[in-house]
Amino acid sequence: MSNDPIHFTQEEWMELRVKFSYLKHSTNNTLAVFLSLAELAQSAPENYEMLAQSVCARTLEIVELSQAVSTYLDTKGPRPAVS
């Protein structure tokens, strides 16, 4: 792995910030939904199916957003060694 600095243009930096912002927003919203549904499911067990469906759908969204940020960063410089 090179120790050369990686340079971002202002546009690239803003694109990264937007991607990270979407990821952070989605993660926070998803965790809030998970918590709310888990609390609801505790008081009304018939809501477990709704919780499971939400977890599946929203987790996929977080994975996709994380991958988008990772892919973007991979295009901007050397990849770190995988251990």
Protein backbone atom coordinates (compact mmCIF):
# COMPACT_ATOMS: atom_id res chain seq x y z
CA MET A 1 0.00 0.00 0.00
CA SER A 2 1.35 3.39 -0.97
CA ASN A 3 1.90 6.14 1.57
CA ASP A 4 1.28 8.79 -1.08
CA PRO A 5 -1.41 11.26 -0.03
CA ILE A 6 -4.80 10.97 -1.66
CA HIS A 7 -6.25 14.20 -3.00
CA PHE A 8 -9.92 14.95 -3.45
CA THR A 9 -11.31 17.77 -5.51
CA GLN A 10 -13.92 19.92 -3.82
CA GLU A 11 -16.61 18.17 -5.86
CA GLU A 12 -15.31 14.72 -4.88
CA TRP A 13 -15.20 15.72 -1.23
CA MET A 14 -18.76 17.02 -1.37
CA GLU A 15 -19.90 13.81 -3.10
CA LEU A 16 -18.32 11.76 -0.32
CA ARG A 17 -19.95 13.93 2.33
CA VAL A 18 -23.36 13.49 0.68
CA LYS A 19 -22.92 9.71 0.44
CA PHE A 20 -21.84 9.52 4.08
CA SER A 21 -24.71 11.77 5.13
CA TYR A 22 -27.23 9.45 3.44
CA LEU A 23 -25.61 6.46 5.11
CA LYS A 24 -25.66 8.09 8.55
CA HIS A 25 -29.25 9.30 8.15
CA SER A 26 -30.48 5.90 6.97
CA THR A 27 -28.64 4.08 9.75
CA ASN A 28 -30.03 6.38 12.45
CA ASN A 29 -33.58 6.14 11.09
CA THR A 30 -33.36 2.39 10.75
CA LEU A 31 -32.11 1.93 14.30
CA ALA A 32 -34.95 4.13 15.57
CA VAL A 33 -37.47 1.99 13.68
CA PHE A 34 -35.88 -1.22 14.99
CA LEU A 35 -36.09 0.07 18.55
CA SER A 36 -39.70 1.22 18.19
CA LEU A 37 -40.82 -2.03 16.60
CA ALA A 38 -38.92 -4.11 19.16
CA GLU A 39 -40.66 -2.24 21.98
CA LEU A 40 -44.01 -2.67 20.23
CA ALA A 41 -43.35 -6.38 19.68
CA GLN A 42 -42.60 -6.82 23.39
CA SER A 43 -46.02 -5.50 24.31
CA ALA A 44 -47.83 -7.13 21.38
CA PRO A 45 -46.03 -10.26 20.12
CA GLU A 46 -48.16 -10.38 16.97
CA ASN A 47 -45.97 -7.50 15.74
CA TYR A 48 -42.86 -9.68 15.49
CA GLU A 49 -43.53 -10.37 11.81
CA MET A 50 -43.68 -6.63 11.07
CA LEU A 51 -40.39 -6.20 12.95
CA ALA A 52 -38.73 -8.98 10.96
CA GLN A 53 -39.89 -7.55 7.63
CA SER A 54 -38.67 -4.09 8.55
CA VAL A 55 -35.30 -5.41 9.71
CA CYS A 56 -34.82 -7.27 6.42
CA ALA A 57 -35.78 -4.34 4.20
CA ARG A 58 -33.93 -1.62 6.07
CA THR A 59 -30.80 -3.67 6.65
CA LEU A 60 -30.48 -4.16 2.90
CA GLU A 61 -30.67 -0.39 2.43
CA ILE A 62 -27.85 0.19 4.93
CA VAL A 63 -25.71 -2.47 3.25
CA GLU A 64 -26.25 -0.86 -0.16
CA LEU A 65 -25.40 2.62 1.12
CA SER A 66 -22.30 1.32 2.90
CA GLN A 67 -21.20 -0.41 -0.28
CA ALA A 68 -21.72 2.79 -2.27
CA VAL A 69 -19.46 4.74 0.11
CA SER A 70 -16.86 1.97 0.06
CA THR A 71 -16.92 1.74 -3.74
CA TYR A 72 -16.54 5.50 -4.04
CA LEU A 73 -13.54 5.50 -1.71
CA ASP A 74 -11.99 2.57 -3.58
CA THR A 75 -11.98 4.65 -6.75
CA LYS A 76 -10.03 7.45 -5.06
CA GLY A 77 -6.89 5.66 -3.99
CA PRO A 78 -5.20 2.40 -3.10
CA ARG A 79 -7.17 -0.26 -1.33
CA PRO A 80 -6.10 -1.27 2.15
CA ALA A 81 -4.72 -4.75 2.64
CA VAL A 82 -7.38 -7.23 3.74
CA SER A 83 -6.36 -9.23 6.79
